[in-house]
N, C-alpha and C. Protein backbone atom coordinates (compact mmCIF):
# COMPACT_ATOMS: atom_id res chain seq x y z
N UNK A 1 -2.98 36.66 9.57
CA UNK A 1 -3.21 35.57 8.63
C UNK A 1 -2.55 34.30 9.17
N UNK A 2 -3.27 33.20 9.04
CA UNK A 2 -2.79 31.92 9.54
C UNK A 2 -1.71 31.34 8.64
N UNK A 3 -0.73 30.73 9.27
CA UNK A 3 0.37 30.08 8.56
C UNK A 3 -0.13 28.79 7.91
N UNK A 4 0.31 28.45 6.67
CA UNK A 4 -0.17 27.23 6.03
C UNK A 4 0.31 25.98 6.78
N UNK A 5 -0.52 24.94 6.78
CA UNK A 5 -0.18 23.69 7.44
C UNK A 5 0.84 22.90 6.63
N UNK A 6 1.29 21.79 7.19
CA UNK A 6 2.33 20.98 6.54
C UNK A 6 1.86 20.43 5.19
N UNK A 7 0.62 20.04 5.09
CA UNK A 7 0.12 19.50 3.82
C UNK A 7 0.14 20.57 2.74
N UNK A 8 -0.26 21.76 3.10
CA UNK A 8 -0.27 22.87 2.13
C UNK A 8 1.16 23.21 1.70
N UNK A 9 2.10 23.17 2.65
CA UNK A 9 3.50 23.45 2.31
C UNK A 9 4.05 22.38 1.37
N UNK A 10 3.68 21.12 1.60
CA UNK A 10 4.10 20.02 0.71
C UNK A 10 3.46 20.21 -0.66
N UNK A 11 2.18 20.57 -0.67
CA UNK A 11 1.46 20.81 -1.92
C UNK A 11 2.18 21.89 -2.75
N UNK A 12 2.53 22.99 -2.12
CA UNK A 12 3.21 24.08 -2.82
C UNK A 12 4.59 23.65 -3.32
N UNK A 13 5.31 22.89 -2.50
CA UNK A 13 6.65 22.41 -2.88
C UNK A 13 6.56 21.53 -4.12
N UNK A 14 5.64 20.57 -4.12
CA UNK A 14 5.52 19.66 -5.26
C UNK A 14 5.08 20.40 -6.52
N UNK A 15 4.17 21.36 -6.38
CA UNK A 15 3.74 22.14 -7.54
C UNK A 15 4.89 22.93 -8.14
N UNK A 16 5.81 23.37 -7.29
CA UNK A 16 6.97 24.13 -7.77
C UNK A 16 8.02 23.22 -8.42
N UNK A 17 7.86 21.90 -8.25
CA UNK A 17 8.84 20.95 -8.79
C UNK A 17 8.20 19.90 -9.70
N UNK A 18 7.16 20.28 -10.43
CA UNK A 18 6.50 19.34 -11.35
C UNK A 18 7.53 18.88 -12.39
N UNK A 19 7.58 17.55 -12.59
CA UNK A 19 8.50 16.98 -13.58
C UNK A 19 9.91 16.75 -13.06
N UNK A 20 10.16 17.10 -11.80
CA UNK A 20 11.50 16.92 -11.21
C UNK A 20 11.44 15.85 -10.12
N UNK A 21 12.47 15.02 -10.06
CA UNK A 21 12.56 14.03 -8.98
C UNK A 21 12.98 14.77 -7.71
N UNK A 22 12.21 14.55 -6.65
CA UNK A 22 12.53 15.15 -5.35
C UNK A 22 12.71 14.03 -4.34
N UNK A 23 13.40 14.32 -3.25
CA UNK A 23 13.69 13.30 -2.25
C UNK A 23 12.78 13.46 -1.03
N UNK A 24 12.73 12.40 -0.25
CA UNK A 24 11.94 12.44 0.98
C UNK A 24 12.49 13.51 1.92
N UNK A 25 13.78 13.74 1.90
CA UNK A 25 14.38 14.77 2.76
C UNK A 25 13.90 16.15 2.34
N UNK A 26 13.83 16.38 1.03
CA UNK A 26 13.34 17.68 0.54
C UNK A 26 11.87 17.89 0.92
N UNK A 27 11.07 16.84 0.80
CA UNK A 27 9.65 16.95 1.16
C UNK A 27 9.51 17.17 2.66
N UNK A 28 10.29 16.42 3.44
CA UNK A 28 10.26 16.58 4.91
C UNK A 28 10.61 18.02 5.29
N UNK A 29 11.65 18.55 4.66
CA UNK A 29 12.06 19.93 4.95
C UNK A 29 10.99 20.93 4.53
N UNK A 30 10.33 20.66 3.40
CA UNK A 30 9.26 21.55 2.93
C UNK A 30 8.07 21.52 3.88
N UNK A 31 7.81 20.35 4.49
CA UNK A 31 6.68 20.21 5.41
C UNK A 31 6.86 21.12 6.63
N UNK A 32 8.09 21.33 7.03
CA UNK A 32 8.36 22.21 8.16
C UNK A 32 9.06 21.49 9.29
N UNK A 33 9.72 22.28 10.08
CA UNK A 33 10.49 21.76 11.21
C UNK A 33 9.58 21.03 12.20
N UNK A 34 10.00 19.85 12.61
CA UNK A 34 9.28 19.10 13.61
C UNK A 34 8.06 18.33 13.11
N UNK A 35 7.80 18.34 11.80
CA UNK A 35 6.66 17.61 11.24
C UNK A 35 7.11 16.17 10.99
N UNK A 36 6.51 15.23 11.71
CA UNK A 36 6.90 13.83 11.56
C UNK A 36 5.98 13.06 10.63
N UNK A 37 4.82 13.59 10.33
CA UNK A 37 3.83 12.87 9.53
C UNK A 37 3.80 13.34 8.07
N UNK A 38 4.94 13.78 7.56
CA UNK A 38 4.97 14.29 6.19
C UNK A 38 4.61 13.21 5.16
N UNK A 39 5.02 11.95 5.41
CA UNK A 39 4.72 10.87 4.46
C UNK A 39 3.21 10.62 4.39
N UNK A 40 2.54 10.75 5.52
CA UNK A 40 1.08 10.59 5.55
C UNK A 40 0.43 11.68 4.70
N UNK A 41 0.94 12.90 4.79
CA UNK A 41 0.38 14.00 3.99
C UNK A 41 0.55 13.71 2.49
N UNK A 42 1.70 13.13 2.11
CA UNK A 42 1.92 12.78 0.70
C UNK A 42 0.92 11.71 0.26
N UNK A 43 0.71 10.70 1.11
CA UNK A 43 -0.28 9.65 0.81
C UNK A 43 -1.68 10.26 0.67
N UNK A 44 -2.01 11.20 1.52
CA UNK A 44 -3.32 11.85 1.43
C UNK A 44 -3.48 12.58 0.10
N UNK A 45 -2.42 13.25 -0.34
CA UNK A 45 -2.48 13.93 -1.64
C UNK A 45 -2.72 12.92 -2.75
N UNK A 46 -2.05 11.77 -2.68
CA UNK A 46 -2.21 10.72 -3.70
C UNK A 46 -3.60 10.10 -3.64
N UNK A 47 -3.98 9.64 -2.45
CA UNK A 47 -5.18 8.81 -2.33
C UNK A 47 -6.47 9.60 -2.21
N UNK A 48 -6.44 10.72 -1.52
CA UNK A 48 -7.67 11.47 -1.31
C UNK A 48 -7.88 12.56 -2.34
N UNK A 49 -6.79 13.12 -2.85
CA UNK A 49 -6.93 14.22 -3.80
C UNK A 49 -6.54 13.83 -5.22
N UNK A 50 -6.09 12.58 -5.41
CA UNK A 50 -5.80 12.08 -6.75
C UNK A 50 -4.54 12.62 -7.40
N UNK A 51 -3.59 13.10 -6.59
CA UNK A 51 -2.35 13.63 -7.16
C UNK A 51 -1.53 12.48 -7.74
N UNK A 52 -1.02 12.62 -8.98
CA UNK A 52 -0.23 11.55 -9.60
C UNK A 52 1.23 11.58 -9.14
N UNK A 53 1.44 11.34 -7.86
CA UNK A 53 2.79 11.34 -7.29
C UNK A 53 3.35 9.92 -7.45
N UNK A 54 4.47 9.79 -8.14
CA UNK A 54 5.08 8.49 -8.43
C UNK A 54 6.22 8.23 -7.45
N UNK A 55 6.33 6.97 -6.98
CA UNK A 55 7.41 6.55 -6.10
C UNK A 55 8.13 5.36 -6.74
N UNK A 56 9.12 4.83 -6.02
CA UNK A 56 9.85 3.66 -6.53
C UNK A 56 8.95 2.44 -6.68
N UNK A 57 7.82 2.42 -5.99
CA UNK A 57 6.86 1.31 -6.14
C UNK A 57 6.14 1.39 -7.48
N UNK A 58 6.11 2.57 -8.09
CA UNK A 58 5.41 2.77 -9.35
C UNK A 58 6.34 2.77 -10.55
N UNK A 59 7.61 3.12 -10.34
CA UNK A 59 8.55 3.26 -11.44
C UNK A 59 9.93 2.74 -11.04
N UNK A 60 10.49 1.88 -11.87
CA UNK A 60 11.83 1.34 -11.61
C UNK A 60 12.90 2.42 -11.75
N UNK A 61 12.56 3.54 -12.38
CA UNK A 61 13.53 4.63 -12.55
C UNK A 61 13.79 5.39 -11.26
N UNK A 62 12.91 5.23 -10.27
CA UNK A 62 13.06 5.94 -9.01
C UNK A 62 13.63 5.02 -7.94
N UNK A 63 14.42 5.59 -7.07
CA UNK A 63 14.98 4.85 -5.94
C UNK A 63 14.09 5.07 -4.72
N UNK A 64 14.20 4.20 -3.71
CA UNK A 64 13.45 4.45 -2.48
C UNK A 64 13.77 5.85 -1.95
N UNK A 65 12.73 6.56 -1.53
CA UNK A 65 12.93 7.92 -1.02
C UNK A 65 12.86 8.99 -2.09
N UNK A 66 12.55 8.60 -3.33
CA UNK A 66 12.41 9.58 -4.40
C UNK A 66 10.94 9.66 -4.83
N UNK A 67 10.52 10.86 -5.18
CA UNK A 67 9.13 11.12 -5.57
C UNK A 67 9.14 11.96 -6.84
N UNK A 68 8.07 11.79 -7.64
CA UNK A 68 7.97 12.56 -8.87
C UNK A 68 6.50 12.90 -9.12
N UNK A 69 6.23 14.19 -9.24
CA UNK A 69 4.92 14.67 -9.66
C UNK A 69 5.09 15.02 -11.13
N UNK A 70 4.63 14.11 -12.01
CA UNK A 70 4.85 14.24 -13.45
C UNK A 70 4.05 15.34 -14.10
N UNK A 71 2.86 15.56 -13.59
CA UNK A 71 1.94 16.51 -14.22
C UNK A 71 1.15 17.23 -13.17
N UNK A 72 0.50 18.29 -13.60
CA UNK A 72 -0.31 19.06 -12.68
C UNK A 72 -1.45 18.19 -12.15
N UNK A 73 -1.69 18.25 -10.84
CA UNK A 73 -2.75 17.42 -10.27
C UNK A 73 -4.14 17.93 -10.66
N UNK A 74 -5.15 17.07 -10.46
CA UNK A 74 -6.53 17.51 -10.77
C UNK A 74 -6.95 18.65 -9.85
N UNK A 75 -7.92 19.40 -10.31
CA UNK A 75 -8.45 20.49 -9.49
C UNK A 75 -8.96 19.94 -8.17
N UNK A 76 -8.74 20.70 -7.12
CA UNK A 76 -9.16 20.29 -5.78
C UNK A 76 -10.68 20.29 -5.69
N UNK A 77 -11.22 19.15 -5.25
CA UNK A 77 -12.66 19.03 -5.06
C UNK A 77 -12.99 19.47 -3.65
N UNK A 78 -14.24 19.43 -3.32
CA UNK A 78 -14.66 19.75 -1.96
C UNK A 78 -13.98 18.84 -0.95
N UNK A 79 -13.85 19.30 0.26
CA UNK A 79 -13.19 18.52 1.30
C UNK A 79 -13.99 17.25 1.54
N UNK A 80 -13.26 16.14 1.61
CA UNK A 80 -13.89 14.84 1.80
C UNK A 80 -13.22 14.16 2.98
N UNK A 81 -13.96 13.95 4.03
CA UNK A 81 -13.43 13.30 5.21
C UNK A 81 -13.82 11.84 5.18
N UNK A 82 -12.87 10.98 5.43
CA UNK A 82 -13.20 9.57 5.54
C UNK A 82 -12.49 9.01 6.76
N UNK A 83 -13.20 8.18 7.47
CA UNK A 83 -12.59 7.56 8.63
C UNK A 83 -11.77 6.38 8.16
N UNK A 84 -10.63 6.19 8.78
CA UNK A 84 -9.80 5.06 8.45
C UNK A 84 -10.37 3.78 9.05
N UNK A 85 -9.69 2.71 8.79
CA UNK A 85 -10.09 1.42 9.34
C UNK A 85 -9.73 1.42 10.82
N UNK A 86 -10.66 1.03 11.66
CA UNK A 86 -10.43 1.06 13.11
C UNK A 86 -9.35 0.06 13.51
N UNK A 87 -8.73 0.31 14.65
CA UNK A 87 -7.69 -0.59 15.16
C UNK A 87 -8.26 -1.98 15.41
N UNK A 88 -9.50 -2.04 15.87
CA UNK A 88 -10.15 -3.33 16.14
C UNK A 88 -10.33 -4.13 14.85
N UNK A 89 -10.83 -3.47 13.80
CA UNK A 89 -11.05 -4.15 12.53
C UNK A 89 -9.71 -4.56 11.92
N UNK A 90 -8.71 -3.69 12.03
CA UNK A 90 -7.37 -4.02 11.53
C UNK A 90 -6.84 -5.28 12.22
N UNK A 91 -6.99 -5.35 13.54
CA UNK A 91 -6.52 -6.51 14.30
C UNK A 91 -7.27 -7.78 13.87
N UNK A 92 -8.58 -7.65 13.62
CA UNK A 92 -9.37 -8.81 13.18
C UNK A 92 -8.88 -9.33 11.84
N UNK A 93 -8.60 -8.41 10.91
CA UNK A 93 -8.14 -8.80 9.58
C UNK A 93 -6.78 -9.50 9.68
N UNK A 94 -5.85 -8.90 10.43
CA UNK A 94 -4.52 -9.49 10.56
C UNK A 94 -4.59 -10.87 11.21
N UNK A 95 -5.41 -11.00 12.25
CA UNK A 95 -5.54 -12.28 12.93
C UNK A 95 -6.16 -13.33 12.00
N UNK A 96 -7.23 -12.97 11.31
CA UNK A 96 -7.87 -13.90 10.37
C UNK A 96 -6.91 -14.35 9.28
N UNK A 97 -6.06 -13.42 8.80
CA UNK A 97 -5.13 -13.74 7.72
C UNK A 97 -3.80 -14.29 8.21
N UNK A 98 -3.71 -14.59 9.50
CA UNK A 98 -2.49 -15.19 10.04
C UNK A 98 -1.27 -14.31 9.94
N UNK A 99 -1.47 -12.99 9.98
CA UNK A 99 -0.37 -12.02 9.88
C UNK A 99 0.52 -12.34 8.68
N UNK A 100 -0.15 -12.61 7.55
CA UNK A 100 0.54 -13.00 6.32
C UNK A 100 -0.07 -12.26 5.14
N UNK A 101 0.77 -11.79 4.22
CA UNK A 101 0.27 -11.15 3.00
C UNK A 101 -0.54 -12.18 2.22
N UNK A 102 -1.74 -11.81 1.86
CA UNK A 102 -2.65 -12.73 1.18
C UNK A 102 -2.38 -12.86 -0.31
N UNK A 103 -1.40 -12.12 -0.84
CA UNK A 103 -1.06 -12.26 -2.25
C UNK A 103 0.25 -13.03 -2.43
N UNK A 104 1.26 -12.71 -1.62
CA UNK A 104 2.57 -13.35 -1.83
C UNK A 104 2.97 -14.30 -0.71
N UNK A 105 2.27 -14.25 0.42
CA UNK A 105 2.57 -15.17 1.52
C UNK A 105 3.65 -14.72 2.48
N UNK A 106 4.21 -13.52 2.30
CA UNK A 106 5.25 -13.05 3.21
C UNK A 106 4.63 -12.57 4.52
N UNK A 107 5.43 -12.65 5.58
CA UNK A 107 4.98 -12.23 6.91
C UNK A 107 5.89 -11.11 7.40
N UNK A 108 5.45 -10.34 8.40
CA UNK A 108 6.29 -9.27 8.94
C UNK A 108 7.65 -9.82 9.37
N UNK A 109 8.69 -9.10 9.01
CA UNK A 109 10.04 -9.52 9.36
C UNK A 109 10.73 -10.27 8.23
N UNK A 110 9.95 -10.93 7.32
CA UNK A 110 10.54 -11.58 6.16
C UNK A 110 11.17 -10.48 5.29
N UNK A 111 12.13 -10.86 4.47
CA UNK A 111 12.75 -9.91 3.55
C UNK A 111 12.02 -9.98 2.21
N UNK A 112 11.53 -8.84 1.76
CA UNK A 112 10.85 -8.75 0.47
C UNK A 112 11.92 -8.70 -0.62
N UNK A 113 11.94 -9.69 -1.50
CA UNK A 113 12.98 -9.75 -2.53
C UNK A 113 12.86 -8.59 -3.52
N UNK A 114 11.67 -8.01 -3.66
CA UNK A 114 11.48 -6.88 -4.59
C UNK A 114 12.15 -5.60 -4.08
N UNK A 115 12.16 -5.43 -2.75
CA UNK A 115 12.70 -4.18 -2.20
C UNK A 115 13.95 -4.39 -1.36
N UNK A 116 14.18 -5.64 -0.90
CA UNK A 116 15.31 -5.92 -0.02
C UNK A 116 15.08 -5.47 1.41
N UNK A 117 13.85 -5.04 1.70
CA UNK A 117 13.52 -4.56 3.04
C UNK A 117 12.62 -5.54 3.77
N UNK A 118 12.54 -5.38 5.10
CA UNK A 118 11.65 -6.21 5.89
C UNK A 118 10.20 -5.89 5.53
N UNK A 119 9.39 -6.92 5.52
CA UNK A 119 7.98 -6.79 5.15
C UNK A 119 7.20 -6.07 6.25
N UNK A 120 6.34 -5.16 5.83
CA UNK A 120 5.36 -4.51 6.70
C UNK A 120 4.00 -4.80 6.11
N UNK A 121 3.05 -5.15 6.96
CA UNK A 121 1.72 -5.47 6.47
C UNK A 121 0.79 -4.26 6.54
N UNK A 122 -0.08 -4.16 5.57
CA UNK A 122 -1.10 -3.13 5.49
C UNK A 122 -2.44 -3.82 5.34
N UNK A 123 -3.48 -3.08 5.53
CA UNK A 123 -4.82 -3.61 5.29
C UNK A 123 -5.28 -3.08 3.94
N UNK A 124 -5.59 -4.01 3.03
CA UNK A 124 -6.02 -3.63 1.69
C UNK A 124 -7.44 -4.09 1.42
N UNK A 125 -8.07 -3.42 0.51
CA UNK A 125 -9.44 -3.77 0.11
C UNK A 125 -9.40 -4.82 -1.00
N UNK A 126 -10.28 -5.79 -0.95
CA UNK A 126 -10.40 -6.77 -2.02
C UNK A 126 -11.06 -6.07 -3.21
N UNK A 127 -12.18 -5.43 -2.96
CA UNK A 127 -12.81 -4.57 -3.96
C UNK A 127 -12.54 -3.14 -3.51
N UNK A 128 -11.78 -2.40 -4.31
CA UNK A 128 -11.34 -1.06 -3.91
C UNK A 128 -12.51 -0.13 -3.61
N UNK A 129 -12.26 0.80 -2.68
CA UNK A 129 -13.30 1.76 -2.31
C UNK A 129 -13.77 2.58 -3.50
N UNK A 130 -12.85 2.89 -4.41
CA UNK A 130 -13.24 3.68 -5.58
C UNK A 130 -14.18 2.91 -6.50
N UNK A 131 -14.24 1.59 -6.32
CA UNK A 131 -15.14 0.75 -7.12
C UNK A 131 -16.36 0.31 -6.31
N UNK A 132 -16.54 0.91 -5.13
CA UNK A 132 -17.70 0.61 -4.31
C UNK A 132 -17.45 -0.35 -3.15
N UNK A 133 -16.19 -0.74 -2.94
CA UNK A 133 -15.87 -1.64 -1.83
C UNK A 133 -16.05 -0.95 -0.49
N UNK A 134 -16.35 -1.72 0.53
CA UNK A 134 -16.62 -1.18 1.87
C UNK A 134 -15.50 -1.53 2.84
N UNK A 135 -15.43 -0.76 3.92
CA UNK A 135 -14.49 -1.03 5.02
C UNK A 135 -15.13 -2.05 5.96
N UNK A 136 -15.22 -3.28 5.51
CA UNK A 136 -15.79 -4.33 6.36
C UNK A 136 -14.93 -5.58 6.24
N UNK A 137 -14.97 -6.41 7.26
CA UNK A 137 -14.09 -7.57 7.37
C UNK A 137 -14.07 -8.42 6.10
N UNK A 138 -15.22 -8.66 5.51
CA UNK A 138 -15.29 -9.52 4.33
C UNK A 138 -14.61 -8.90 3.10
N UNK A 139 -14.35 -7.60 3.11
CA UNK A 139 -13.73 -6.93 1.97
C UNK A 139 -12.30 -6.48 2.25
N UNK A 140 -11.73 -6.93 3.35
CA UNK A 140 -10.38 -6.50 3.72
C UNK A 140 -9.44 -7.69 3.82
N UNK A 141 -8.16 -7.45 3.55
CA UNK A 141 -7.15 -8.50 3.66
C UNK A 141 -5.80 -7.87 3.99
N UNK A 142 -4.93 -8.69 4.54
CA UNK A 142 -3.57 -8.25 4.86
C UNK A 142 -2.73 -8.31 3.58
N UNK A 143 -1.99 -7.23 3.31
CA UNK A 143 -1.10 -7.18 2.16
C UNK A 143 0.23 -6.55 2.56
N UNK A 144 1.32 -7.04 2.00
CA UNK A 144 2.62 -6.40 2.24
C UNK A 144 2.65 -5.10 1.43
N UNK A 145 3.64 -4.27 1.69
CA UNK A 145 3.73 -2.97 1.00
C UNK A 145 3.78 -3.12 -0.51
N UNK A 146 4.58 -4.07 -1.00
CA UNK A 146 4.74 -4.25 -2.44
C UNK A 146 3.43 -4.68 -3.09
N UNK A 147 2.78 -5.69 -2.51
CA UNK A 147 1.51 -6.16 -3.09
C UNK A 147 0.42 -5.11 -2.95
N UNK A 148 0.40 -4.36 -1.85
CA UNK A 148 -0.60 -3.34 -1.66
C UNK A 148 -0.47 -2.24 -2.71
N UNK A 149 0.74 -1.83 -3.02
CA UNK A 149 0.94 -0.80 -4.04
C UNK A 149 0.56 -1.31 -5.42
N UNK A 150 0.92 -2.57 -5.71
CA UNK A 150 0.65 -3.13 -7.02
C UNK A 150 -0.80 -3.52 -7.22
N UNK A 151 -1.51 -3.77 -6.13
CA UNK A 151 -2.88 -4.29 -6.22
C UNK A 151 -3.93 -3.20 -6.38
N UNK A 152 -3.59 -1.98 -6.09
CA UNK A 152 -4.57 -0.91 -6.05
C UNK A 152 -5.44 -0.87 -7.31
N UNK A 153 -6.72 -1.03 -7.13
CA UNK A 153 -7.75 -0.94 -8.17
C UNK A 153 -7.66 -1.99 -9.28
N UNK A 154 -6.82 -3.00 -9.14
CA UNK A 154 -6.72 -3.97 -10.24
C UNK A 154 -7.00 -5.40 -9.83
N UNK A 155 -6.98 -5.69 -8.54
CA UNK A 155 -7.17 -7.08 -8.14
C UNK A 155 -8.64 -7.43 -8.08
N UNK A 156 -8.93 -8.67 -8.38
CA UNK A 156 -10.30 -9.14 -8.36
C UNK A 156 -10.65 -9.73 -7.00
N UNK A 157 -11.66 -10.56 -7.02
CA UNK A 157 -12.12 -11.20 -5.80
C UNK A 157 -11.09 -12.20 -5.31
N UNK A 158 -11.15 -12.49 -4.02
CA UNK A 158 -10.27 -13.48 -3.40
C UNK A 158 -10.55 -14.84 -4.03
N UNK A 159 -9.48 -15.62 -4.36
CA UNK A 159 -9.72 -16.92 -4.98
C UNK A 159 -10.40 -17.89 -4.02
N UNK A 160 -11.20 -18.79 -4.58
CA UNK A 160 -11.89 -19.78 -3.76
C UNK A 160 -10.93 -20.92 -3.41
N UNK A 161 -11.28 -21.67 -2.38
CA UNK A 161 -10.48 -22.82 -2.00
C UNK A 161 -10.38 -23.84 -3.12
N UNK A 162 -11.47 -24.07 -3.83
CA UNK A 162 -11.48 -25.03 -4.94
C UNK A 162 -10.53 -24.59 -6.05
N UNK A 163 -10.53 -23.29 -6.36
CA UNK A 163 -9.63 -22.79 -7.40
C UNK A 163 -8.17 -22.98 -6.97
N UNK A 164 -7.88 -22.66 -5.70
CA UNK A 164 -6.51 -22.85 -5.22
C UNK A 164 -6.08 -24.31 -5.31
N UNK A 165 -6.96 -25.21 -4.88
CA UNK A 165 -6.63 -26.64 -4.97
C UNK A 165 -6.40 -27.07 -6.42
N UNK A 166 -7.20 -26.55 -7.33
CA UNK A 166 -7.01 -26.93 -8.73
C UNK A 166 -5.65 -26.46 -9.25
N UNK A 167 -5.21 -25.28 -8.80
CA UNK A 167 -3.90 -24.77 -9.23
C UNK A 167 -2.77 -25.61 -8.64
N UNK A 168 -2.93 -26.02 -7.39
CA UNK A 168 -1.90 -26.86 -6.75
C UNK A 168 -1.84 -28.22 -7.43
N UNK A 169 -3.00 -28.78 -7.77
CA UNK A 169 -3.02 -30.08 -8.45
C UNK A 169 -2.35 -30.01 -9.82
N UNK A 170 -2.46 -28.87 -10.49
CA UNK A 170 -1.84 -28.69 -11.81
C UNK A 170 -0.34 -28.51 -11.73
N UNK A 171 0.15 -28.04 -10.57
CA UNK A 171 1.58 -27.73 -10.41
C UNK A 171 2.40 -29.02 -10.36
N UNK A 172 3.69 -28.88 -10.58
CA UNK A 172 4.60 -30.01 -10.49
C UNK A 172 4.83 -30.42 -9.03
N UNK A 173 5.46 -31.55 -8.86
CA UNK A 173 5.66 -32.10 -7.52
C UNK A 173 6.51 -31.18 -6.65
N UNK A 174 7.52 -30.54 -7.21
CA UNK A 174 8.37 -29.63 -6.42
C UNK A 174 7.56 -28.43 -5.92
N UNK A 175 6.70 -27.89 -6.79
CA UNK A 175 5.88 -26.75 -6.38
C UNK A 175 4.85 -27.18 -5.33
N UNK A 176 4.27 -28.38 -5.51
CA UNK A 176 3.33 -28.88 -4.52
C UNK A 176 3.99 -29.07 -3.16
N UNK A 177 5.23 -29.58 -3.17
CA UNK A 177 5.96 -29.77 -1.91
C UNK A 177 6.26 -28.40 -1.26
N UNK A 178 6.58 -27.41 -2.08
CA UNK A 178 6.83 -26.06 -1.54
C UNK A 178 5.57 -25.50 -0.87
N UNK A 179 4.41 -25.73 -1.49
CA UNK A 179 3.14 -25.29 -0.89
C UNK A 179 2.90 -26.03 0.42
N UNK A 180 3.13 -27.34 0.40
CA UNK A 180 2.96 -28.15 1.61
C UNK A 180 3.87 -27.66 2.73
N UNK A 181 5.14 -27.42 2.41
CA UNK A 181 6.09 -26.94 3.43
C UNK A 181 5.66 -25.59 3.97
N UNK A 182 5.18 -24.71 3.10
CA UNK A 182 4.75 -23.39 3.53
C UNK A 182 3.53 -23.50 4.46
N UNK A 183 2.56 -24.34 4.08
CA UNK A 183 1.37 -24.53 4.92
C UNK A 183 1.74 -25.14 6.27
N UNK A 184 2.64 -26.12 6.26
CA UNK A 184 3.06 -26.75 7.51
C UNK A 184 3.75 -25.72 8.42
N UNK A 185 4.59 -24.88 7.82
CA UNK A 185 5.27 -23.83 8.59
C UNK A 185 4.26 -22.82 9.14
N UNK A 186 3.31 -22.42 8.30
CA UNK A 186 2.32 -21.42 8.70
C UNK A 186 1.41 -21.92 9.82
N UNK A 187 0.96 -23.19 9.72
CA UNK A 187 0.00 -23.71 10.67
C UNK A 187 0.62 -24.60 11.73
N UNK A 188 1.93 -24.81 11.66
CA UNK A 188 2.64 -25.55 12.70
C UNK A 188 2.21 -27.01 12.81
N UNK A 189 1.81 -27.60 11.71
CA UNK A 189 1.37 -29.01 11.75
C UNK A 189 2.48 -29.95 11.33
């Protein structure tokens, strides 16, 4: 009989600890010795299989490195394979977006005030895949970890240039100057 893979071991561990806060170290240990991609397996359970695994990004009661499976996950559906976003498309999105989060304006290396950690950029969908969005350049944008977690399935279309200008015109002079300084820094003008 074949030994269960790391994802199955994580699945069994979480099922045995429903309603209990567990740590990343416990999950890593459950995944098995030498498994470095345990966090990816947890993301797959959340995103591909719909497991309601909560992290510190979802609940202020949890600290970084803590996870909580509050309830029994949905029944496992048939296996669904999806290709990720290609490295080429990822590079195009990051380059087009100036290596900047399109929601909060932070760039890699900046300190995220919400987490106190350095910003890492991800590629997020403008219209989520679960709502029919596609993996194509026009539907993708760069997002920091915090905005990517908070944006899932709730953000609308990208704002238009006219809408942005109208918001800047409505803002006070100090806010307008902050936008100007940020744009000058971003574009080096």
